[in-house]
Amino acid sequence: MFTLPNRRSVLRLAVALAGMTALTSFAAAEDTVTLWSWRTEDQAAMRTIFDAFEAANPDIKVDLQFTPDADYQNRLSTALRGGKGPDIAQLKAYGELQPLVEAGYLEPLNDLVPELSAFPETATGGVVGRADGKFYGVPYSVPVLGVFYNTDLFAANGITVPTTYAEFVAAAEKLKAAGITPIANGGAQGSAWELEVGVGVVGPSVYGAGFYADMMSGAANFEDPRFVAALQRFADLGPYYSDGFAGIDYTTATQQFINGQAGMFFGGSWENGSFKSQNPELKFSIFPFPGDVASDSPAVSAFSDGSYGLVAGGEHHDAAVKVLNFIASEQFAQLFADNLGWPAARPGVTATDPTLQKMIAMQANTTPYLTLVGYRWQTPTASSVIQAQIIDVVEGNVTAAKLAADVNAAVSTWFKPTP
């Protein structure tokens, strides 16, 4: 026989149904913002950072998707052309950003992310649209380039941090005599960008902090003896690079340093967290490449590494804007520095990591990373010519003067100085 439920049962059922309705409404209200990145090595750290955002914003989830750097740009461009891109994209800087801006794939952020006004020009210079001067990304880091060194190997061989080029060569000689690779270096198999980074490490100590302004104004060009000398100095260090240098790629070179087989490595701030995560036992630090004369604060190359931009027409526009405002915040900058060990794009970060402290100190005397900041706006880029020939210069098959002339001829087809 069918029995009518009592009043208490009806009330319990009503409460349960109401709870299910509330849960359904909550689920429906939750936005999932897709963010694409090429920094596969940063997955764990980035998850930690965005977990903090999600804890404060339980109605928004951030779906982090990582693609290796070599494939990332093609994947992003293809997806954007097909209208299937992410809500937020990690963006290359300077000239590599412009095609996406010109195609209308990105939304300007000046009015959407007010905190961008707190960033220095060193950071925002890489996120500006050339045509309209608007910001199209929230920058996350201003890396510096320098010489990473194994502190244990230096101590074991009686080497102190060199303050002149002569002392640097003497340090390399000591390491070589001890059977240690002095400088892990290589750019084979599509990683010649690392050799261009090496030129950026060495260059400022040769051509000086004011050289960039001379180049932009037309007072100098790539055939200037100062730039030729910078290329030559990088090549002169060839005997101290990894054995089989021409066939060594970036990954192999980093592993030589990480595993304690090499005393030094030319690199940028991004290596700090990567080195630590791959070998927590590695003891290392960083110093600016020294010039001929000792200086308390040698000039180093710096640049805006990249940014996070808002893809136009995204399904989760408002939630994505909230995420970008988080990326522009002091909280993100501190989390970024703490978890990745890079100098954040936004000033005011407190660093506890000694290597990061050194990098921040190096930011006191920077010059723009010449070939990236000044000469990747159109093609052919300075980078493409340098990367194609720099191994031959180190191997002695092409002169530094010839490479400098080729770079100058390439960029002269589009670069116009501003006197």
Protein backbone atom coordinates (compact mmCIF):
# COMPACT_ATOMS: atom_id res chain seq x y z
CA MET A 1 0.00 0.00 0.00
CA PHE A 2 1.34 3.45 -0.90
CA THR A 3 2.11 5.57 2.20
CA LEU A 4 2.31 9.32 2.12
CA PRO A 5 5.61 10.66 3.49
CA ASN A 6 5.43 12.40 6.85
CA ARG A 7 6.05 16.12 7.20
CA ARG A 8 9.64 15.66 8.43
CA SER A 9 10.55 13.55 5.37
CA VAL A 10 9.10 16.16 3.06
CA LEU A 11 11.17 18.87 4.71
CA ARG A 12 14.35 16.78 4.42
CA LEU A 13 13.64 16.18 0.74
CA ALA A 14 13.03 19.87 0.13
CA VAL A 15 16.31 20.80 1.81
CA ALA A 16 18.20 18.21 -0.23
CA LEU A 17 16.67 19.43 -3.48
CA ALA A 18 17.48 23.01 -2.58
CA GLY A 19 21.09 22.02 -1.91
CA MET A 20 21.34 20.23 -5.24
CA THR A 21 19.92 23.30 -6.97
CA ALA A 22 22.48 25.51 -5.23
CA LEU A 23 25.33 23.20 -6.26
CA THR A 24 24.08 23.16 -9.83
CA SER A 25 23.89 26.95 -9.87
CA PHE A 26 27.43 27.19 -8.44
CA ALA A 27 28.79 24.82 -11.08
CA ALA A 28 27.06 26.77 -13.81
CA ALA A 29 28.52 30.03 -12.49
CA GLU A 30 32.09 28.69 -12.41
CA ASP A 31 34.28 29.96 -15.26
CA THR A 32 37.26 28.01 -16.56
CA VAL A 33 39.87 30.29 -18.10
CA THR A 34 42.29 28.56 -20.44
CA LEU A 35 45.86 29.86 -20.34
CA TRP A 36 48.52 28.69 -22.79
CA SER A 37 52.26 28.82 -22.12
CA TRP A 38 55.50 27.59 -23.72
CA ARG A 39 57.34 27.26 -20.40
CA THR A 40 56.97 23.50 -19.93
CA GLU A 41 59.69 23.54 -17.28
CA ASP A 42 57.58 25.87 -15.10
CA GLN A 43 54.42 23.76 -14.89
CA ALA A 44 54.62 22.92 -11.19
CA ALA A 45 55.53 26.47 -10.15
CA MET A 46 52.81 28.03 -12.29
CA ARG A 47 50.23 25.64 -10.85
CA THR A 48 51.23 26.74 -7.35
CA ILE A 49 50.86 30.40 -8.32
CA PHE A 50 47.42 29.99 -9.86
CA ASP A 51 46.24 27.80 -6.99
CA ALA A 52 46.62 30.93 -4.88
CA PHE A 53 44.41 32.84 -7.33
CA GLU A 54 41.77 30.10 -7.34
CA ALA A 55 41.71 30.01 -3.55
CA ALA A 56 40.76 33.69 -3.51
CA ASN A 57 38.44 33.36 -6.53
CA PRO A 58 36.59 30.04 -6.17
CA ASP A 59 34.27 30.90 -9.04
CA ILE A 60 37.18 30.88 -11.54
CA LYS A 61 39.43 27.98 -12.50
CA VAL A 62 42.62 28.46 -14.52
CA ASP A 63 43.33 25.63 -16.95
CA LEU A 64 47.07 25.80 -17.63
CA GLN A 65 48.15 24.19 -20.90
CA PHE A 66 51.81 23.91 -21.87
CA THR A 67 53.37 23.40 -25.30
CA PRO A 68 57.15 23.12 -25.91
CA ASP A 69 58.67 26.40 -27.05
CA ALA A 70 59.65 25.03 -30.46
CA ASP A 71 56.01 24.26 -31.29
CA TYR A 72 54.20 26.91 -29.27
CA GLN A 73 54.12 29.85 -31.65
CA ASN A 74 52.85 27.73 -34.53
CA ARG A 75 50.17 26.14 -32.35
CA LEU A 76 49.00 29.52 -31.06
CA SER A 77 48.91 31.17 -34.50
CA THR A 78 47.05 28.23 -36.03
CA ALA A 79 44.49 28.20 -33.22
CA LEU A 80 43.90 31.94 -33.37
CA ARG A 81 43.36 31.83 -37.14
CA GLY A 82 40.76 29.13 -36.58
CA GLY A 83 39.05 30.99 -33.76
CA LYS A 84 39.97 28.25 -31.26
CA GLY A 85 42.67 29.89 -29.20
CA PRO A 86 42.92 30.15 -25.41
CA ASP A 87 41.37 32.85 -23.26
CA ILE A 88 44.84 34.04 -22.23
CA ALA A 89 48.02 33.45 -24.24
CA GLN A 90 51.61 33.79 -23.16
CA LEU A 91 53.08 36.16 -25.72
CA LYS A 92 56.53 36.74 -27.11
CA ALA A 93 57.75 40.33 -26.86
CA TYR A 94 58.68 43.18 -29.18
CA GLY A 95 58.56 42.31 -32.89
CA GLU A 96 57.29 38.78 -32.30
CA LEU A 97 54.17 40.22 -30.66
CA GLN A 98 53.25 42.53 -33.54
CA PRO A 99 51.72 40.03 -36.03
CA LEU A 100 49.14 38.98 -33.42
CA VAL A 101 48.31 42.61 -32.65
CA GLU A 102 48.03 43.55 -36.31
CA ALA A 103 45.76 40.59 -37.01
CA GLY A 104 43.36 41.74 -34.29
CA TYR A 105 43.74 38.58 -32.20
CA LEU A 106 44.46 40.46 -28.97
CA GLU A 107 42.50 43.00 -26.95
CA PRO A 108 44.25 46.14 -25.64
CA LEU A 109 44.58 46.18 -21.87
CA ASN A 110 45.08 49.84 -20.94
CA ASP A 111 41.55 50.24 -19.56
CA LEU A 112 41.09 46.64 -18.40
CA VAL A 113 44.26 46.26 -16.31
CA PRO A 114 44.92 49.59 -14.52
CA GLU A 115 47.93 48.19 -12.61
CA LEU A 116 49.97 48.20 -15.81
CA SER A 117 50.76 51.82 -14.98
CA ALA A 118 52.89 50.53 -12.07
CA PHE A 119 55.30 48.69 -14.41
CA PRO A 120 58.57 50.25 -15.64
CA GLU A 121 59.16 50.91 -19.32
CA THR A 122 61.80 48.20 -19.33
CA ALA A 123 58.94 45.75 -18.78
CA THR A 124 56.18 47.34 -20.86
CA GLY A 125 58.40 48.14 -23.86
CA GLY A 126 57.92 44.61 -25.12
CA VAL A 127 54.11 44.57 -24.91
CA VAL A 128 53.27 47.72 -26.87
CA GLY A 129 51.53 47.68 -30.24
CA ARG A 130 53.70 49.63 -32.67
CA ALA A 131 50.77 51.20 -34.50
CA ASP A 132 48.65 52.42 -31.58
CA GLY A 133 51.02 52.42 -28.58
CA LYS A 134 48.60 50.38 -26.47
CA PHE A 135 49.48 47.56 -24.09
CA TYR A 136 48.60 44.08 -25.32
CA GLY A 137 50.08 42.00 -22.54
CA VAL A 138 50.86 41.94 -18.83
CA PRO A 139 54.64 41.41 -18.55
CA TYR A 140 55.84 38.92 -15.96
CA SER A 141 59.63 39.30 -15.84
CA VAL A 142 62.57 41.49 -16.79
CA PRO A 143 65.44 38.99 -16.99
CA VAL A 144 69.09 39.95 -16.89
CA LEU A 145 71.84 38.06 -18.70
CA GLY A 146 74.95 36.94 -16.86
CA VAL A 147 77.40 34.16 -16.04
CA PHE A 148 76.08 31.37 -13.84
CA TYR A 149 78.87 29.64 -11.95
CA ASN A 150 79.25 26.54 -9.80
CA THR A 151 80.31 27.90 -6.41
CA ASP A 152 81.69 24.55 -5.22
CA LEU A 153 83.91 24.15 -8.30
CA PHE A 154 85.14 27.72 -7.95
CA ALA A 155 86.00 27.18 -4.29
CA ALA A 156 87.67 23.81 -4.91
CA ASN A 157 89.93 25.36 -7.54
CA GLY A 158 90.72 28.56 -5.65
CA ILE A 159 88.76 30.77 -8.02
CA THR A 160 87.09 34.00 -6.92
CA VAL A 161 84.44 35.80 -8.94
CA PRO A 162 86.36 37.60 -11.71
CA THR A 163 86.11 41.37 -11.88
CA THR A 164 88.06 41.82 -15.13
CA TYR A 165 88.20 39.97 -18.43
CA ALA A 166 91.78 38.88 -17.68
CA GLU A 167 90.61 37.34 -14.40
CA PHE A 168 87.75 35.62 -16.24
CA VAL A 169 90.15 33.99 -18.68
CA ALA A 170 92.43 32.97 -15.80
CA ALA A 171 89.44 31.32 -14.09
CA ALA A 172 88.59 29.44 -17.29
CA GLU A 173 92.20 28.27 -17.57
CA LYS A 174 92.16 26.92 -14.02
CA LEU A 175 88.98 24.97 -14.64
CA LYS A 176 90.31 23.57 -17.90
CA ALA A 177 93.56 22.50 -16.25
CA ALA A 178 91.51 20.65 -13.63
CA GLY A 179 89.67 18.68 -16.33
CA ILE A 180 86.46 20.68 -15.91
CA THR A 181 84.59 22.24 -18.84
CA PRO A 182 85.03 25.95 -18.18
CA ILE A 183 81.85 27.14 -19.96
CA ALA A 184 79.01 24.82 -20.88
CA ASN A 185 77.85 26.21 -24.21
CA GLY A 186 76.23 25.07 -27.43
CA GLY A 187 73.58 26.03 -29.94
CA ALA A 188 73.18 23.09 -32.28
CA GLN A 189 69.89 21.54 -33.43
CA GLY A 190 67.82 24.70 -33.50
CA SER A 191 69.06 26.15 -30.21
CA ALA A 192 71.39 28.83 -31.60
CA TRP A 193 69.32 31.38 -29.70
CA GLU A 194 71.41 30.34 -26.69
CA LEU A 195 74.56 31.49 -28.49
CA GLU A 196 72.89 34.81 -29.22
CA VAL A 197 72.19 35.00 -25.47
CA GLY A 198 75.92 34.44 -24.96
CA VAL A 199 76.69 37.45 -27.16
CA GLY A 200 74.19 39.37 -25.04
CA VAL A 201 76.06 38.27 -21.89
CA VAL A 202 79.47 39.34 -23.20
CA GLY A 203 78.47 42.37 -25.28
CA PRO A 204 77.72 45.14 -22.74
CA SER A 205 81.14 44.81 -21.11
CA VAL A 206 82.70 45.49 -24.53
CA TYR A 207 80.45 48.05 -26.24
CA GLY A 208 79.15 49.77 -23.09
CA ALA A 209 75.74 50.73 -21.72
CA GLY A 210 75.38 53.72 -24.07
CA PHE A 211 75.80 51.70 -27.26
CA TYR A 212 72.08 50.91 -27.58
CA ALA A 213 71.20 54.62 -27.71
CA ASP A 214 73.87 55.14 -30.37
CA MET A 215 72.37 52.34 -32.45
CA MET A 216 68.82 53.68 -32.16
CA SER A 217 69.89 57.20 -33.11
CA GLY A 218 71.99 56.12 -36.07
CA ALA A 219 75.27 57.24 -34.48
CA ALA A 220 76.38 53.59 -34.73
CA ASN A 221 75.45 50.45 -36.61
CA PHE A 222 76.39 46.78 -36.41
CA GLU A 223 79.66 47.39 -38.26
CA ASP A 224 80.80 49.66 -35.45
CA PRO A 225 84.14 48.40 -34.08
CA ARG A 226 82.55 48.08 -30.63
CA PHE A 227 80.03 45.48 -31.81
CA VAL A 228 82.63 43.65 -33.91
CA ALA A 229 84.81 43.50 -30.80
CA ALA A 230 81.91 42.02 -28.79
CA LEU A 231 81.45 39.25 -31.37
CA GLN A 232 85.18 38.62 -31.40
CA ARG A 233 85.37 38.35 -27.62
CA PHE A 234 82.57 35.78 -27.61
CA ALA A 235 84.49 33.84 -30.29
CA ASP A 236 87.81 34.17 -28.43
CA LEU A 237 86.30 32.19 -25.57
CA GLY A 238 85.76 29.22 -27.90
CA PRO A 239 88.62 27.14 -26.42
CA TYR A 240 86.76 27.16 -23.09
CA TYR A 241 83.38 26.06 -24.44
CA SER A 242 82.12 22.48 -24.28
CA ASP A 243 84.09 19.87 -26.22
CA GLY A 244 82.47 19.33 -29.61
CA PHE A 245 80.93 22.79 -29.30
CA ALA A 246 79.48 22.86 -32.85
CA GLY A 247 77.43 19.73 -32.14
CA ILE A 248 76.29 20.59 -28.59
CA ASP A 249 72.74 21.85 -28.16
CA TYR A 250 71.24 23.98 -25.40
CA THR A 251 69.78 21.04 -23.46
CA THR A 252 73.09 19.19 -23.39
CA ALA A 253 74.94 22.32 -22.31
CA THR A 254 72.52 22.97 -19.46
CA GLN A 255 72.86 19.37 -18.30
CA GLN A 256 76.63 19.71 -18.22
CA PHE A 257 76.28 22.66 -15.87
CA ILE A 258 73.46 21.17 -13.80
CA ASN A 259 75.38 17.91 -13.30
CA GLY A 260 78.51 19.70 -12.10
CA GLN A 261 80.59 18.94 -15.19
CA ALA A 262 81.07 22.61 -16.11
CA GLY A 263 82.12 25.60 -14.08
CA MET A 264 80.13 28.31 -15.87
CA PHE A 265 77.15 28.87 -18.15
CA PHE A 266 76.05 31.94 -20.11
CA GLY A 267 72.34 32.45 -19.52
CA GLY A 268 69.41 34.52 -18.36
CA SER A 269 67.37 34.76 -15.19
CA TRP A 270 64.99 32.02 -16.33
CA GLU A 271 67.69 29.42 -15.66
CA ASN A 272 67.64 30.00 -11.91
CA GLY A 273 64.47 28.10 -11.04
CA SER A 274 65.11 25.52 -13.75
CA PHE A 275 68.59 24.69 -12.45
CA LYS A 276 67.29 24.40 -8.89
CA SER A 277 64.38 22.15 -9.81
CA GLN A 278 66.57 19.80 -11.87
CA ASN A 279 69.33 19.51 -9.27
CA PRO A 280 68.41 20.81 -5.80
CA GLU A 281 71.93 19.93 -4.61
CA LEU A 282 73.64 22.21 -7.14
CA LYS A 283 75.38 25.19 -5.54
CA PHE A 284 75.54 28.09 -7.95
CA SER A 285 75.24 31.84 -8.30
CA ILE A 286 75.59 34.50 -11.02
CA PHE A 287 77.84 37.45 -11.86
CA PRO A 288 77.96 40.05 -14.66
CA PHE A 289 80.45 39.34 -17.43
CA PRO A 290 83.41 41.59 -16.57
CA GLY A 291 85.08 44.18 -18.77
CA ASP A 292 88.73 45.02 -19.25
CA VAL A 293 88.67 47.28 -16.20
CA ALA A 294 87.08 46.29 -12.88
CA SER A 295 83.74 47.91 -12.15
CA ASP A 296 81.45 47.83 -9.12
CA SER A 297 78.42 47.50 -11.38
CA PRO A 298 79.17 46.22 -14.91
CA ALA A 299 76.42 46.78 -17.47
CA VAL A 300 74.24 43.77 -18.27
CA SER A 301 71.61 43.08 -20.92
CA ALA A 302 67.96 43.18 -19.83
CA PHE A 303 64.64 42.85 -21.63
CA SER A 304 60.95 42.12 -21.26
CA ASP A 305 60.77 38.35 -21.57
CA GLY A 306 57.12 38.17 -22.56
CA SER A 307 53.61 38.72 -21.30
CA TYR A 308 50.13 37.30 -20.93
CA GLY A 309 47.53 38.70 -23.29
CA LEU A 310 43.75 38.63 -23.63
CA VAL A 311 42.56 36.83 -26.76
CA ALA A 312 39.85 38.91 -28.42
CA GLY A 313 36.35 37.44 -28.48
CA GLY A 314 37.07 34.86 -25.80
CA GLU A 315 34.14 33.03 -24.23
CA HIS A 316 35.29 33.80 -20.68
CA HIS A 317 36.23 37.45 -21.17
CA ASP A 318 35.38 38.87 -17.73
CA ALA A 319 36.97 35.99 -15.84
CA ALA A 320 40.09 36.24 -18.01
CA VAL A 321 40.34 39.95 -17.19
CA LYS A 322 40.30 39.05 -13.49
CA VAL A 323 43.13 36.60 -14.06
CA LEU A 324 45.16 39.24 -15.91
CA ASN A 325 44.63 41.72 -13.09
CA PHE A 326 46.00 39.07 -10.73
CA ILE A 327 49.06 38.67 -13.00
CA ALA A 328 49.56 42.45 -12.78
CA SER A 329 49.37 42.43 -8.98
CA GLU A 330 52.09 42.65 -6.34
CA GLN A 331 50.92 39.25 -5.06
CA PHE A 332 51.66 37.58 -8.40
CA ALA A 333 55.05 39.30 -8.65
CA GLN A 334 56.05 37.96 -5.24
CA LEU A 335 54.73 34.47 -5.97
CA PHE A 336 56.53 34.52 -9.32
CA ALA A 337 59.84 35.45 -7.70
CA ASP A 338 59.40 32.94 -4.87
CA ASN A 339 58.44 30.00 -7.07
CA LEU A 340 60.44 30.65 -10.24
CA GLY A 341 63.44 32.64 -9.04
CA TRP A 342 63.22 35.27 -11.82
CA PRO A 343 63.22 39.03 -11.30
CA ALA A 344 59.55 39.96 -11.60
CA ALA A 345 58.41 42.63 -14.04
CA ARG A 346 56.70 44.58 -11.27
CA PRO A 347 59.09 46.27 -8.80
CA GLY A 348 58.97 45.86 -5.04
CA VAL A 349 59.55 42.12 -4.75
CA THR A 350 61.30 40.84 -1.63
CA ALA A 351 63.87 38.21 -2.56
CA THR A 352 65.08 35.51 -0.17
CA ASP A 353 66.89 33.44 -2.81
CA PRO A 354 70.56 34.59 -2.91
CA THR A 355 70.86 34.12 -6.69
CA LEU A 356 67.72 36.15 -7.27
CA GLN A 357 69.11 38.84 -4.98
CA LYS A 358 72.20 39.00 -7.20
CA MET A 359 70.02 39.34 -10.30
CA ILE A 360 68.00 42.16 -8.78
CA ALA A 361 71.26 43.91 -7.87
CA MET A 362 72.43 43.49 -11.48
CA GLN A 363 69.30 45.36 -12.61
CA ALA A 364 70.88 48.54 -11.23
CA ASN A 365 72.94 48.95 -14.42
CA THR A 366 71.23 47.49 -17.45
CA THR A 367 71.21 48.14 -21.15
CA PRO A 368 68.59 46.74 -23.54
CA TYR A 369 69.41 43.28 -24.91
CA LEU A 370 70.47 44.78 -28.22
CA THR A 371 69.44 42.27 -30.86
CA LEU A 372 66.12 41.40 -29.20
CA VAL A 373 64.85 44.80 -28.06
CA GLY A 374 66.06 46.80 -31.03
CA TYR A 375 66.14 44.48 -34.02
CA ARG A 376 63.38 41.87 -33.94
CA TRP A 377 60.59 44.16 -35.08
CA GLN A 378 60.68 43.13 -38.74
CA THR A 379 62.43 40.56 -40.89
CA PRO A 380 65.19 39.78 -41.50
CA THR A 381 65.99 40.14 -37.82
CA ALA A 382 69.44 40.64 -36.39
CA SER A 383 68.84 37.47 -34.39
CA SER A 384 68.25 35.30 -37.45
CA VAL A 385 71.59 36.30 -39.02
CA ILE A 386 73.57 35.96 -35.78
CA GLN A 387 72.06 32.58 -34.99
CA ALA A 388 72.84 31.32 -38.51
CA GLN A 389 76.52 32.26 -38.41
CA ILE A 390 77.75 32.51 -34.84
CA ILE A 391 78.96 28.89 -34.65
CA ASP A 392 81.09 29.54 -37.74
CA VAL A 393 82.57 32.64 -36.10
CA VAL A 394 83.54 30.63 -33.01
CA GLU A 395 84.95 27.87 -35.23
CA GLY A 396 86.97 30.43 -37.20
CA ASN A 397 85.19 29.87 -40.52
CA VAL A 398 83.60 33.34 -40.62
CA THR A 399 85.14 36.52 -39.25
CA ALA A 400 83.40 38.66 -36.67
CA ALA A 401 83.57 41.59 -39.09
CA LYS A 402 81.81 39.55 -41.82
CA LEU A 403 79.00 38.55 -39.47
CA ALA A 404 78.61 42.15 -38.28
CA ALA A 405 78.41 43.35 -41.90
CA ASP A 406 75.80 40.71 -42.74
CA VAL A 407 73.68 41.68 -39.74
CA ASN A 408 73.90 45.32 -40.71
CA ALA A 409 72.91 44.62 -44.31
CA ALA A 410 69.93 42.56 -43.18
CA VAL A 411 68.40 45.04 -40.74
CA SER A 412 69.16 48.02 -42.99
CA THR A 413 66.35 46.82 -45.24
CA TRP A 414 63.81 47.95 -42.64
CA PHE A 415 65.39 49.63 -39.60
CA LYS A 416 65.21 53.42 -39.60
CA PRO A 417 67.13 55.20 -36.83
CA THR A 418 65.57 58.10 -34.94
CA PRO A 419 68.21 60.85 -34.63
